[in-house]
Structure formats: C-alpha cells, structure tokens
Amino acid sequence: MVRRFYGLPSLNALAAFEAAARHLSLTRASTELNVTAGAVSKQVKALEEELGCSLFIRLHRALQLTLEGEALYHSLKETFERLALNLQEIRRTGKVRIVSIGTTNAFAQHWLMPRLGDFWNAHQDIIIDHMISDRAQDLFRADVDLRVRYGNGLWPNESTHKLFDDVIIAAASPSYASQHKVKLPRDLSAHPLLSVEGTDWTWTTWPEFLRANEAPHKRLSVRRFNSYVIALQAAQDGQGLVLGWRNLIKPLLDRRKLVQVTSAEMAAPGSFYICWNSNSALSREALVLRDFLLSHVT
C-alpha cells in the first residue's frame, strides 16, 4: 500500500464521500462530480475498506450516515470550507485588478493619457482597460466601469462628478494664423471652417459660435468631420480654423501646435463629467481611478 505523507486516504475517495454524504445520494454526488454513480460508489467502498468501517447505511434508493460517517463528514465539511475560503482569498489577492473607462478619442488623447502616467506609477497593481470611441453607445457597454461625457450632467440612471467647465475658442496652426488675416471675430467667417458634426448634437458648431460673437454666420465655407481628432489634425496641418475647447486641447496650445485666433470665445454650454451607472456600485479600483482623475483637474 502506498504511504501518503499525511497518512490520508485517497483525496478522490474523500471528495466522493463528502459529496455523497452532503447529498445523501450517490446519483446527485455523481452529477456534481461529473462521474458515474458507480464510480462514486467504488470510491466510497474503497474508503470504507481502508478505514475498516461502514460510512453509510444503504437503504432502498437512499443513504444514511453511520456514526463514523457522520463524524468524518463533519470533519471534511469544516476542512473543505476552510480550504475554499483560503483559496478564494488567494485568488482575490493574486488576481489582476482591472478598471475600465470609456472616452472619446479626443478626450483620451488630449486630456486623459497625459495624466495616466502618474496613476500607473502610484497604482501599479491596477490595470486600466480603455474603451475609446466617438460613438456614444459604445461607452455604455456593461464592461465599462467609468465614462467621460460632455453635456449638462443630468442623465437618467447616471451618477456624475463634474471634471471641468470649458471655454470655446477659434484656433489654427501658427503658420496659418501668420499667413492669413484673422484679427477680429468678423474675420472668421471668411476662412475655411473645420466643423465636427453628426456624432454628438450637443457639440457647438461654427454658426452657433459666430452668432455668440456677433460675427457673420451665413455663407460659410465649412468642411465637416465626424471625428474631433481628425478636425484638430487638419487644423494643425494648416487647412483652416477649428473650434477648440480650451481645457481639452490645452496640450496642443501649450506646444503651439494650435494658437487662438481673435479674441472671440464663448462659455461651453456643456461640461465634462465622469459618470457611471447609478444602479451599480463602483469597485474599489474604479473609485481609486475616479478620485484620481477628479484630483488631477487643472
């Protein structure tokens, strides 16, 4: 006979007995263990032979524990429960902790990514999954913990924290601004205007901006984009003027990829918010990321 280090019977036999004792049924134990009832019966009989006593009283289509069987079952139950808790704790502490955040391409590129280096340095045990899309519906997938939205912050079933308000300006590349006469708000309408339309109807367009600054807003030369990132790139390439949410495009302004042209500006009708489903509690990792972003608003 093989001598095991702890002097225990076969672990397969103990598992088969514990399941049979818990269910008081070989059939139900076999279903749980994904083996045949005959295989469970064989394991239990082998265990009884090794222990030298009966563990069950076998009735017609039923099992009843003997005193020895009762004592062994309670000992195994307590041991297996304690082992299960220990394994659960090991899985929990050893598991990679993930939080997901959904943003538009422009927000991810110009606001979020420049700040995440500090987050990764401070929280190396948390991995961030990104859902980056300019389609609003993509940000509402069930696996997205947090999302950044632009608007008034009053959305059904959404909890919100304001990240920042913004101011809208007219911007162009430095070379375009130096080569063209764009001094006063009324000069704007004579230039190619790069406009983002069709993806988010809360997004301010050139006619709204020009009206707010009492500038001509008819017969405009508008090039339309469905991506703010591409519109910003076109402006950097000297293809015209673009509306800039100043806090959002601050990295481009700081590096003089874009410059403000004229004094024309308007308060953005919407603000940027970090949001999550109000019917679901945030994980600890999501709370850490949310609070980090709120603390890094400048």
C-alpha atoms as a PDB file:
ATOM      1  CA  MET A   1       0.000   0.000   0.000  1.00  0.00           C
ATOM      2  CA  VAL A   2       1.217   3.484  -0.871  1.00  0.00           C
ATOM      3  CA  ARG A   3       2.088   5.545   2.206  1.00  0.00           C
ATOM      4  CA  ARG A   4       0.981   9.166   1.801  1.00  0.00           C
ATOM      5  CA  PHE A   5       2.836  11.927   3.660  1.00  0.00           C
ATOM      6  CA  TYR A   6      -0.134  12.900   5.840  1.00  0.00           C
ATOM      7  CA  GLY A   7      -1.448   9.356   6.177  1.00  0.00           C
ATOM      8  CA  LEU A   8      -4.692  10.364   4.472  1.00  0.00           C
ATOM      9  CA  PRO A   9      -6.819   8.149   2.270  1.00  0.00           C
ATOM     10  CA  SER A  10      -7.195   8.978  -1.417  1.00  0.00           C
ATOM     11  CA  LEU A  11      -8.351  12.580  -1.876  1.00  0.00           C
ATOM     12  CA  ASN A  12     -10.615  11.412  -4.701  1.00  0.00           C
ATOM     13  CA  ALA A  13     -12.256   8.985  -2.295  1.00  0.00           C
ATOM     14  CA  LEU A  14     -12.672  11.673   0.358  1.00  0.00           C
ATOM     15  CA  ALA A  15     -14.212  14.060  -2.191  1.00  0.00           C
ATOM     16  CA  ALA A  16     -16.585  11.369  -3.409  1.00  0.00           C
ATOM     17  CA  PHE A  17     -17.644  10.516   0.147  1.00  0.00           C
ATOM     18  CA  GLU A  18     -18.143  14.196   1.120  1.00  0.00           C
ATOM     19  CA  ALA A  19     -20.382  14.833  -1.898  1.00  0.00           C
ATOM     20  CA  ALA A  20     -22.389  11.630  -1.287  1.00  0.00           C
ATOM     21  CA  ALA A  21     -22.767  12.478   2.413  1.00  0.00           C
ATOM     22  CA  ARG A  22     -23.828  16.056   1.677  1.00  0.00           C
ATOM     23  CA  HIS A  23     -26.462  14.972  -0.829  1.00  0.00           C
ATOM     24  CA  LEU A  24     -27.209  11.586   0.822  1.00  0.00           C
ATOM     25  CA  SER A  25     -27.332  10.346  -2.740  1.00  0.00           C
ATOM     26  CA  LEU A  26     -24.812   8.657  -4.998  1.00  0.00           C
ATOM     27  CA  THR A  27     -26.657   9.921  -8.065  1.00  0.00           C
ATOM     28  CA  ARG A  28     -26.610  13.575  -7.079  1.00  0.00           C
ATOM     29  CA  ALA A  29     -22.972  13.278  -5.976  1.00  0.00           C
ATOM     30  CA  SER A  30     -22.060  11.786  -9.353  1.00  0.00           C
ATOM     31  CA  THR A  31     -23.784  14.679 -11.158  1.00  0.00           C
ATOM     32  CA  GLU A  32     -21.834  17.230  -9.105  1.00  0.00           C
ATOM     33  CA  LEU A  33     -18.525  15.445  -9.667  1.00  0.00           C
ATOM     34  CA  ASN A  34     -19.259  14.726 -13.330  1.00  0.00           C
ATOM     35  CA  VAL A  35     -18.642  10.978 -12.967  1.00  0.00           C
ATOM     36  CA  THR A  36     -20.932   7.941 -12.890  1.00  0.00           C
ATOM     37  CA  ALA A  37     -22.791   6.834  -9.767  1.00  0.00           C
ATOM     38  CA  GLY A  38     -20.841   3.575  -9.985  1.00  0.00           C
ATOM     39  CA  ALA A  39     -17.555   5.469  -9.818  1.00  0.00           C
ATOM     40  CA  VAL A  40     -18.692   7.317  -6.670  1.00  0.00           C
ATOM     41  CA  SER A  41     -19.854   4.038  -5.098  1.00  0.00           C
ATOM     42  CA  LYS A  42     -16.497   2.423  -5.892  1.00  0.00           C
ATOM     43  CA  GLN A  43     -14.566   5.315  -4.279  1.00  0.00           C
ATOM     44  CA  VAL A  44     -16.736   5.188  -1.147  1.00  0.00           C
ATOM     45  CA  LYS A  45     -16.324   1.412  -0.806  1.00  0.00           C
ATOM     46  CA  ALA A  46     -12.551   1.728  -1.190  1.00  0.00           C
ATOM     47  CA  LEU A  47     -12.561   4.362   1.576  1.00  0.00           C
ATOM     48  CA  GLU A  48     -14.626   2.131   3.856  1.00  0.00           C
ATOM     49  CA  GLU A  49     -12.233  -0.754   3.269  1.00  0.00           C
ATOM     50  CA  GLU A  50      -9.215   1.412   4.073  1.00  0.00           C
ATOM     51  CA  LEU A  51     -10.843   2.758   7.253  1.00  0.00           C
ATOM     52  CA  GLY A  52     -12.211  -0.646   8.256  1.00  0.00           C
ATOM     53  CA  CYS A  53     -15.770   0.548   8.926  1.00  0.00           C
ATOM     54  CA  SER A  54     -19.026   1.352   7.171  1.00  0.00           C
ATOM     55  CA  LEU A  55     -19.719   5.028   6.489  1.00  0.00           C
ATOM     56  CA  PHE A  56     -23.239   4.636   5.109  1.00  0.00           C
ATOM     57  CA  ILE A  57     -26.288   2.547   5.835  1.00  0.00           C
ATOM     58  CA  ARG A  58     -27.557   1.752   2.370  1.00  0.00           C
ATOM     59  CA  LEU A  59     -31.331   1.902   2.230  1.00  0.00           C
ATOM     60  CA  HIS A  60     -33.626   1.449  -0.765  1.00  0.00           C
ATOM     61  CA  ARG A  61     -32.753   4.403  -3.023  1.00  0.00           C
ATOM     62  CA  ALA A  62     -31.336   6.332  -0.053  1.00  0.00           C
ATOM     63  CA  LEU A  63     -28.239   6.674   2.105  1.00  0.00           C
ATOM     64  CA  GLN A  64     -27.926   7.228   5.837  1.00  0.00           C
ATOM     65  CA  LEU A  65     -24.693   8.098   7.594  1.00  0.00           C
ATOM     66  CA  THR A  66     -23.335   5.843  10.274  1.00  0.00           C
ATOM     67  CA  LEU A  67     -21.833   7.389  13.406  1.00  0.00           C
ATOM     68  CA  GLU A  68     -18.377   7.056  11.849  1.00  0.00           C
ATOM     69  CA  GLY A  69     -19.675   8.502   8.600  1.00  0.00           C
ATOM     70  CA  GLU A  70     -21.274  11.426  10.442  1.00  0.00           C
ATOM     71  CA  ALA A  71     -18.020  12.230  12.236  1.00  0.00           C
ATOM     72  CA  LEU A  72     -15.952  12.028   9.035  1.00  0.00           C
ATOM     73  CA  TYR A  73     -18.443  14.111   7.064  1.00  0.00           C
ATOM     74  CA  HIS A  74     -18.442  16.993   9.562  1.00  0.00           C
ATOM     75  CA  SER A  75     -14.645  16.945   9.707  1.00  0.00           C
ATOM     76  CA  LEU A  76     -14.369  17.047   5.914  1.00  0.00           C
ATOM     77  CA  LYS A  77     -17.057  19.716   5.620  1.00  0.00           C
ATOM     78  CA  GLU A  78     -15.206  22.002   8.019  1.00  0.00           C
ATOM     79  CA  THR A  79     -11.874  21.346   6.307  1.00  0.00           C
ATOM     80  CA  PHE A  80     -13.202  21.864   2.771  1.00  0.00           C
ATOM     81  CA  GLU A  81     -14.982  25.089   3.756  1.00  0.00           C
ATOM     82  CA  ARG A  82     -11.832  26.471   5.342  1.00  0.00           C
ATOM     83  CA  LEU A  83      -9.786  25.442   2.301  1.00  0.00           C
ATOM     84  CA  ALA A  84     -12.316  27.063  -0.045  1.00  0.00           C
ATOM     85  CA  LEU A  85     -12.098  30.351   1.863  1.00  0.00           C
ATOM     86  CA  ASN A  86      -8.293  30.272   1.790  1.00  0.00           C
ATOM     87  CA  LEU A  87      -8.257  29.587  -1.945  1.00  0.00           C
ATOM     88  CA  GLN A  88     -10.764  32.386  -2.539  1.00  0.00           C
ATOM     89  CA  GLU A  89      -8.537  34.795  -0.633  1.00  0.00           C
ATOM     90  CA  ILE A  90      -5.501  33.684  -2.626  1.00  0.00           C
ATOM     91  CA  ARG A  91      -7.385  34.207  -5.892  1.00  0.00           C
ATOM     92  CA  ARG A  92      -8.577  37.621  -4.760  1.00  0.00           C
ATOM     93  CA  THR A  93      -5.178  38.914  -3.645  1.00  0.00           C
ATOM     94  CA  GLY A  94      -3.333  37.372  -6.563  1.00  0.00           C
ATOM     95  CA  LYS A  95      -5.801  38.483  -9.213  1.00  0.00           C
ATOM     96  CA  VAL A  96      -5.004  41.372 -11.511  1.00  0.00           C
ATOM     97  CA  ARG A  97      -7.269  44.272 -10.606  1.00  0.00           C
ATOM     98  CA  ILE A  98      -8.852  45.908 -13.629  1.00  0.00           C
ATOM     99  CA  VAL A  99     -10.940  49.041 -14.131  1.00  0.00           C
ATOM    100  CA  SER A 100     -12.358  50.150 -17.470  1.00  0.00           C
ATOM    101  CA  ILE A 101     -13.033  53.689 -18.660  1.00  0.00           C
ATOM    102  CA  GLY A 102     -14.774  54.889 -21.804  1.00  0.00           C
ATOM    103  CA  THR A 103     -13.950  58.190 -23.525  1.00  0.00           C
ATOM    104  CA  THR A 104     -13.958  59.807 -26.928  1.00  0.00           C
ATOM    105  CA  ASN A 105     -10.774  59.712 -28.971  1.00  0.00           C
ATOM    106  CA  ALA A 106     -10.085  63.413 -28.412  1.00  0.00           C
ATOM    107  CA  PHE A 107     -10.600  63.248 -24.656  1.00  0.00           C
ATOM    108  CA  ALA A 108      -8.403  60.166 -24.348  1.00  0.00           C
ATOM    109  CA  GLN A 109      -5.607  61.659 -26.440  1.00  0.00           C
ATOM    110  CA  HIS A 110      -5.515  65.221 -25.169  1.00  0.00           C
ATOM    111  CA  TRP A 111      -6.706  65.042 -21.554  1.00  0.00           C
ATOM    112  CA  LEU A 112      -6.710  61.517 -20.159  1.00  0.00           C
ATOM    113  CA  MET A 113      -3.475  59.990 -21.413  1.00  0.00           C
ATOM    114  CA  PRO A 114      -1.179  62.817 -20.236  1.00  0.00           C
ATOM    115  CA  ARG A 115      -2.410  62.193 -16.678  1.00  0.00           C
ATOM    116  CA  LEU A 116      -2.333  58.405 -16.567  1.00  0.00           C
ATOM    117  CA  GLY A 117       1.428  58.111 -16.178  1.00  0.00           C
ATOM    118  CA  ASP A 118       1.101  59.395 -12.615  1.00  0.00           C
ATOM    119  CA  PHE A 119      -1.739  56.941 -11.972  1.00  0.00           C
ATOM    120  CA  TRP A 120       0.278  53.951 -13.197  1.00  0.00           C
ATOM    121  CA  ASN A 121       3.231  54.966 -11.035  1.00  0.00           C
ATOM    122  CA  ALA A 122       1.032  55.263  -7.944  1.00  0.00           C
ATOM    123  CA  HIS A 123      -1.169  52.200  -8.583  1.00  0.00           C
ATOM    124  CA  GLN A 124       0.916  49.553 -10.301  1.00  0.00           C
ATOM    125  CA  ASP A 125      -1.490  46.830  -9.146  1.00  0.00           C
ATOM    126  CA  ILE A 126      -4.383  48.273 -11.188  1.00  0.00           C
ATOM    127  CA  ILE A 127      -4.726  47.803 -14.928  1.00  0.00           C
ATOM    128  CA  ILE A 128      -6.877  50.229 -16.922  1.00  0.00           C
ATOM    129  CA  ASP A 129      -8.872  48.941 -19.868  1.00  0.00           C
ATOM    130  CA  HIS A 130      -9.831  51.652 -22.367  1.00  0.00           C
ATOM    131  CA  MET A 131     -12.998  51.848 -24.436  1.00  0.00           C
ATOM    132  CA  ILE A 132     -12.167  54.688 -26.833  1.00  0.00           C
ATOM    133  CA  SER A 133     -14.900  55.538 -29.289  1.00  0.00           C
ATOM    134  CA  ASP A 134     -16.677  58.562 -30.728  1.00  0.00           C
ATOM    135  CA  ARG A 135     -19.931  56.574 -30.819  1.00  0.00           C
ATOM    136  CA  ALA A 136     -21.784  57.365 -27.584  1.00  0.00           C
ATOM    137  CA  GLN A 137     -23.451  53.954 -27.420  1.00  0.00           C
ATOM    138  CA  ASP A 138     -20.072  52.203 -27.203  1.00  0.00           C
ATOM    139  CA  LEU A 139     -19.358  53.889 -23.879  1.00  0.00           C
ATOM    140  CA  PHE A 140     -22.397  52.212 -22.291  1.00  0.00           C
ATOM    141  CA  ARG A 141     -21.214  48.633 -22.636  1.00  0.00           C
ATOM    142  CA  ALA A 142     -21.720  46.552 -19.498  1.00  0.00           C
ATOM    143  CA  ASP A 143     -17.958  46.116 -19.070  1.00  0.00           C
ATOM    144  CA  VAL A 144     -17.277  49.878 -18.929  1.00  0.00           C
ATOM    145  CA  ASP A 145     -16.992  50.978 -15.279  1.00  0.00           C
ATOM    146  CA  LEU A 146     -16.491  54.713 -15.792  1.00  0.00           C
ATOM    147  CA  ARG A 147     -17.103  57.008 -18.764  1.00  0.00           C
ATOM    148  CA  VAL A 148     -16.486  60.650 -19.564  1.00  0.00           C
ATOM    149  CA  ARG A 149     -19.423  62.537 -21.052  1.00  0.00           C
ATOM    150  CA  TYR A 150     -19.949  66.076 -22.272  1.00  0.00           C
ATOM    151  CA  GLY A 151     -23.219  67.827 -21.517  1.00  0.00           C
ATOM    152  CA  ASN A 152     -25.304  69.119 -18.625  1.00  0.00           C
ATOM    153  CA  GLY A 153     -24.693  66.168 -16.298  1.00  0.00           C
ATOM    154  CA  LEU A 154     -28.393  65.363 -15.936  1.00  0.00           C
ATOM    155  CA  TRP A 155     -28.704  61.900 -17.430  1.00  0.00           C
ATOM    156  CA  PRO A 156     -31.101  59.129 -16.350  1.00  0.00           C
ATOM    157  CA  ASN A 157     -29.529  56.300 -14.327  1.00  0.00           C
ATOM    158  CA  GLU A 158     -26.150  58.050 -14.282  1.00  0.00           C
ATOM    159  CA  SER A 159     -24.145  59.201 -11.278  1.00  0.00           C
ATOM    160  CA  THR A 160     -21.897  62.105 -12.224  1.00  0.00           C
ATOM    161  CA  HIS A 161     -18.997  64.191 -10.942  1.00  0.00           C
ATOM    162  CA  LYS A 162     -18.009  67.285 -12.907  1.00  0.00           C
ATOM    163  CA  LEU A 163     -14.446  67.230 -14.161  1.00  0.00           C
ATOM    164  CA  PHE A 164     -14.316  70.739 -15.617  1.00  0.00           C
ATOM    165  CA  ASP A 165     -16.166  73.506 -17.432  1.00  0.00           C
ATOM    166  CA  ASP A 166     -14.677  74.851 -20.621  1.00  0.00           C
ATOM    167  CA  VAL A 167     -14.425  77.818 -22.943  1.00  0.00           C
ATOM    168  CA  ILE A 168     -14.664  77.510 -26.713  1.00  0.00           C
ATOM    169  CA  ILE A 169     -12.186  79.427 -28.877  1.00  0.00           C
ATOM    170  CA  ALA A 170     -11.255  79.625 -32.559  1.00  0.00           C
ATOM    171  CA  ALA A 171      -7.875  78.043 -33.240  1.00  0.00           C
ATOM    172  CA  ALA A 172      -5.488  77.491 -36.125  1.00  0.00           C
ATOM    173  CA  SER A 173      -1.927  76.414 -36.723  1.00  0.00           C
ATOM    174  CA  PRO A 174       0.672  79.133 -36.060  1.00  0.00           C
ATOM    175  CA  SER A 175       1.628  79.152 -39.746  1.00  0.00           C
ATOM    176  CA  TYR A 176      -1.980  79.613 -40.857  1.00  0.00           C
ATOM    177  CA  ALA A 177      -2.521  82.400 -38.338  1.00  0.00           C
ATOM    178  CA  SER A 178       0.610  84.222 -39.523  1.00  0.00           C
ATOM    179  CA  GLN A 179      -0.238  83.922 -43.222  1.00  0.00           C
ATOM    180  CA  HIS A 180      -3.902  84.977 -43.076  1.00  0.00           C
ATOM    181  CA  LYS A 181      -5.723  87.970 -41.749  1.00  0.00           C
ATOM    182  CA  VAL A 182      -7.639  86.671 -38.744  1.00  0.00           C
ATOM    183  CA  LYS A 183      -7.641  89.578 -36.324  1.00  0.00           C
ATOM    184  CA  LEU A 184     -11.262  90.242 -35.393  1.00  0.00           C
ATOM    185  CA  PRO A 185     -14.256  87.936 -34.800  1.00  0.00           C
ATOM    186  CA  ARG A 186     -15.854  89.200 -38.027  1.00  0.00           C
ATOM    187  CA  ASP A 187     -12.825  87.890 -39.963  1.00  0.00           C
ATOM    188  CA  LEU A 188     -13.536  84.278 -39.013  1.00  0.00           C
ATOM    189  CA  SER A 189     -16.356  83.607 -41.461  1.00  0.00           C
ATOM    190  CA  ALA A 190     -14.125  84.316 -44.475  1.00  0.00           C
ATOM    191  CA  HIS A 191     -11.892  81.305 -43.760  1.00  0.00           C
ATOM    192  CA  PRO A 192     -12.241  77.531 -44.191  1.00  0.00           C
ATOM    193  CA  LEU A 193     -14.028  76.343 -41.046  1.00  0.00           C
ATOM    194  CA  LEU A 194     -13.413  72.793 -39.827  1.00  0.00           C
ATOM    195  CA  SER A 195     -16.550  71.536 -38.116  1.00  0.00           C
ATOM    196  CA  VAL A 196     -17.402  68.370 -36.190  1.00  0.00           C
ATOM    197  CA  GLU A 197     -20.979  67.343 -36.875  1.00  0.00           C
ATOM    198  CA  GLY A 198     -23.171  64.281 -36.715  1.00  0.00           C
ATOM    199  CA  THR A 199     -21.580  62.417 -33.810  1.00  0.00           C
ATOM    200  CA  ASP A 200     -22.850  64.450 -30.854  1.00  0.00           C
ATOM    201  CA  TRP A 201     -25.542  67.062 -31.305  1.00  0.00           C
ATOM    202  CA  THR A 202     -24.548  68.803 -28.047  1.00  0.00           C
ATOM    203  CA  TRP A 203     -21.296  69.802 -29.795  1.00  0.00           C
ATOM    204  CA  THR A 204     -21.195  73.525 -30.648  1.00  0.00           C
ATOM    205  CA  THR A 205     -20.930  74.317 -34.364  1.00  0.00           C
ATOM    206  CA  TRP A 206     -19.462  77.311 -36.160  1.00  0.00           C
ATOM    207  CA  PRO A 207     -22.793  79.129 -36.779  1.00  0.00           C
ATOM    208  CA  GLU A 208     -23.547  78.988 -33.039  1.00  0.00           C
ATOM    209  CA  PHE A 209     -20.075  80.236 -32.145  1.00  0.00           C
ATOM    210  CA  LEU A 210     -20.189  83.069 -34.681  1.00  0.00           C
ATOM    211  CA  ARG A 211     -23.659  84.188 -33.572  1.00  0.00           C
ATOM    212  CA  ALA A 212     -22.483  84.238 -29.944  1.00  0.00           C
ATOM    213  CA  ASN A 213     -19.661  86.585 -31.002  1.00  0.00           C
ATOM    214  CA  GLU A 214     -21.869  88.774 -33.231  1.00  0.00           C
ATOM    215  CA  ALA A 215     -19.893  87.745 -36.305  1.00  0.00           C
ATOM    216  CA  PRO A 216     -21.265  86.922 -39.780  1.00  0.00           C
ATOM    217  CA  HIS A 217     -22.594  83.351 -39.733  1.00  0.00           C
ATOM    218  CA  LYS A 218     -24.064  82.795 -43.217  1.00  0.00           C
ATOM    219  CA  ARG A 219     -22.483  81.543 -46.454  1.00  0.00           C
ATOM    220  CA  LEU A 220     -19.712  79.816 -44.571  1.00  0.00           C
ATOM    221  CA  SER A 221     -17.070  77.591 -46.100  1.00  0.00           C
ATOM    222  CA  VAL A 222     -17.446  74.575 -43.815  1.00  0.00           C
ATOM    223  CA  ARG A 223     -15.580  71.263 -44.017  1.00  0.00           C
ATOM    224  CA  ARG A 224     -17.385  68.675 -41.916  1.00  0.00           C
ATOM    225  CA  PHE A 225     -15.775  65.848 -39.942  1.00  0.00           C
ATOM    226  CA  ASN A 226     -17.235  63.093 -37.780  1.00  0.00           C
ATOM    227  CA  SER A 227     -14.071  62.940 -35.662  1.00  0.00           C
ATOM    228  CA  TYR A 228     -12.795  65.773 -33.499  1.00  0.00           C
ATOM    229  CA  VAL A 229      -9.284  64.288 -33.512  1.00  0.00           C
ATOM    230  CA  ILE A 230      -9.165  64.472 -37.317  1.00  0.00           C
ATOM    231  CA  ALA A 231     -10.570  68.020 -37.340  1.00  0.00           C
ATOM    232  CA  LEU A 232      -7.854  69.082 -34.895  1.00  0.00           C
ATOM    233  CA  GLN A 233      -5.207  67.412 -37.041  1.00  0.00           C
ATOM    234  CA  ALA A 234      -6.494  69.178 -40.144  1.00  0.00           C
ATOM    235  CA  ALA A 235      -6.183  72.489 -38.307  1.00  0.00           C
ATOM    236  CA  GLN A 236      -2.625  71.655 -37.232  1.00  0.00           C
ATOM    237  CA  ASP A 237      -1.855  70.929 -40.879  1.00  0.00           C
ATOM    238  CA  GLY A 238      -2.936  74.470 -41.830  1.00  0.00           C
ATOM    239  CA  GLN A 239      -6.197  73.516 -43.533  1.00  0.00           C
ATOM    240  CA  GLY A 240      -8.391  76.043 -41.731  1.00  0.00           C
ATOM    241  CA  LEU A 241      -9.845  77.119 -38.404  1.00  0.00           C
ATOM    242  CA  VAL A 242     -11.225  74.758 -35.774  1.00  0.00           C
ATOM    243  CA  LEU A 243     -13.295  75.295 -32.650  1.00  0.00           C
ATOM    244  CA  GLY A 244     -11.241  74.398 -29.610  1.00  0.00           C
ATOM    245  CA  TRP A 245     -12.492  73.507 -26.148  1.00  0.00           C
ATOM    246  CA  ARG A 246      -9.609  75.266 -24.431  1.00  0.00           C
ATOM    247  CA  ASN A 247      -9.127  72.964 -21.424  1.00  0.00           C
ATOM    248  CA  LEU A 248      -9.463  69.903 -23.617  1.00  0.00           C
ATOM    249  CA  ILE A 249      -6.891  70.970 -26.211  1.00  0.00           C
ATOM    250  CA  LYS A 250      -4.538  72.621 -23.715  1.00  0.00           C
ATOM    251  CA  PRO A 251      -1.635  70.289 -24.660  1.00  0.00           C
ATOM    252  CA  LEU A 252      -1.876  71.475 -28.288  1.00  0.00           C
ATOM    253  CA  LEU A 253      -1.968  75.109 -27.198  1.00  0.00           C
ATOM    254  CA  ASP A 254       0.929  74.648 -24.779  1.00  0.00           C
ATOM    255  CA  ARG A 255       3.083  73.089 -27.517  1.00  0.00           C
ATOM    256  CA  ARG A 256       1.897  75.718 -30.023  1.00  0.00           C
ATOM    257  CA  LYS A 257       0.531  73.093 -32.363  1.00  0.00           C
ATOM    258  CA  LEU A 258      -2.515  75.384 -32.335  1.00  0.00           C
ATOM    259  CA  VAL A 259      -2.973  79.033 -31.357  1.00  0.00           C
ATOM    260  CA  GLN A 260      -6.064  81.039 -30.539  1.00  0.00           C
ATOM    261  CA  VAL A 261      -7.071  83.420 -33.309  1.00  0.00           C
ATOM    262  CA  THR A 262      -9.015  86.600 -32.423  1.00  0.00           C
ATOM    263  CA  SER A 263     -10.485  87.331 -29.023  1.00  0.00           C
ATOM    264  CA  ALA A 264     -13.704  85.504 -29.904  1.00  0.00           C
ATOM    265  CA  GLU A 265     -14.756  82.921 -27.334  1.00  0.00           C
ATOM    266  CA  MET A 266     -17.850  81.581 -25.620  1.00  0.00           C
ATOM    267  CA  ALA A 267     -18.595  79.602 -22.492  1.00  0.00           C
ATOM    268  CA  ALA A 268     -19.122  75.976 -23.495  1.00  0.00           C
ATOM    269  CA  PRO A 269     -22.804  75.079 -23.000  1.00  0.00           C
ATOM    270  CA  GLY A 270     -21.775  71.708 -21.605  1.00  0.00           C
ATOM    271  CA  SER A 271     -19.188  70.479 -19.123  1.00  0.00           C
ATOM    272  CA  PHE A 272     -17.120  67.304 -18.958  1.00  0.00           C
ATOM    273  CA  TYR A 273     -18.276  64.761 -16.391  1.00  0.00           C
ATOM    274  CA  ILE A 274     -17.025  61.430 -15.139  1.00  0.00           C
ATOM    275  CA  CYS A 275     -20.030  59.118 -14.931  1.00  0.00           C
ATOM    276  CA  TRP A 276     -21.098  55.594 -14.009  1.00  0.00           C
ATOM    277  CA  ASN A 277     -24.261  53.537 -13.783  1.00  0.00           C
ATOM    278  CA  SER A 278     -26.164  54.726 -10.716  1.00  0.00           C
ATOM    279  CA  ASN A 279     -27.696  51.251 -10.315  1.00  0.00           C
ATOM    280  CA  SER A 280     -24.302  49.580  -9.841  1.00  0.00           C
ATOM    281  CA  ALA A 281     -21.751  50.065  -7.081  1.00  0.00           C
ATOM    282  CA  LEU A 282     -18.267  51.008  -8.235  1.00  0.00           C
ATOM    283  CA  SER A 283     -15.436  48.607  -7.500  1.00  0.00           C
ATOM    284  CA  ARG A 284     -12.582  49.763  -5.297  1.00  0.00           C
ATOM    285  CA  GLU A 285     -10.395  50.102  -8.392  1.00  0.00           C
ATOM    286  CA  ALA A 286     -12.997  52.272 -10.144  1.00  0.00           C
ATOM    287  CA  LEU A 287     -13.265  54.503  -7.067  1.00  0.00           C
ATOM    288  CA  VAL A 288      -9.478  54.892  -6.998  1.00  0.00           C
ATOM    289  CA  LEU A 289      -9.379  55.910 -10.673  1.00  0.00           C
ATOM    290  CA  ARG A 290     -12.386  58.232 -10.351  1.00  0.00           C
ATOM    291  CA  ASP A 291     -10.902  60.057  -7.351  1.00  0.00           C
ATOM    292  CA  PHE A 292      -7.502  60.272  -9.048  1.00  0.00           C
ATOM    293  CA  LEU A 293      -8.982  61.952 -12.125  1.00  0.00           C
ATOM    294  CA  LEU A 294     -11.020  64.370 -10.036  1.00  0.00           C
ATOM    295  CA  SER A 295      -7.889  65.337  -8.081  1.00  0.00           C
ATOM    296  CA  HIS A 296      -5.917  65.947 -11.294  1.00  0.00           C
ATOM    297  CA  VAL A 297      -8.236  68.507 -12.846  1.00  0.00           C
ATOM    298  CA  THR A 298      -6.314  71.700 -13.560  1.00  0.00           C
END
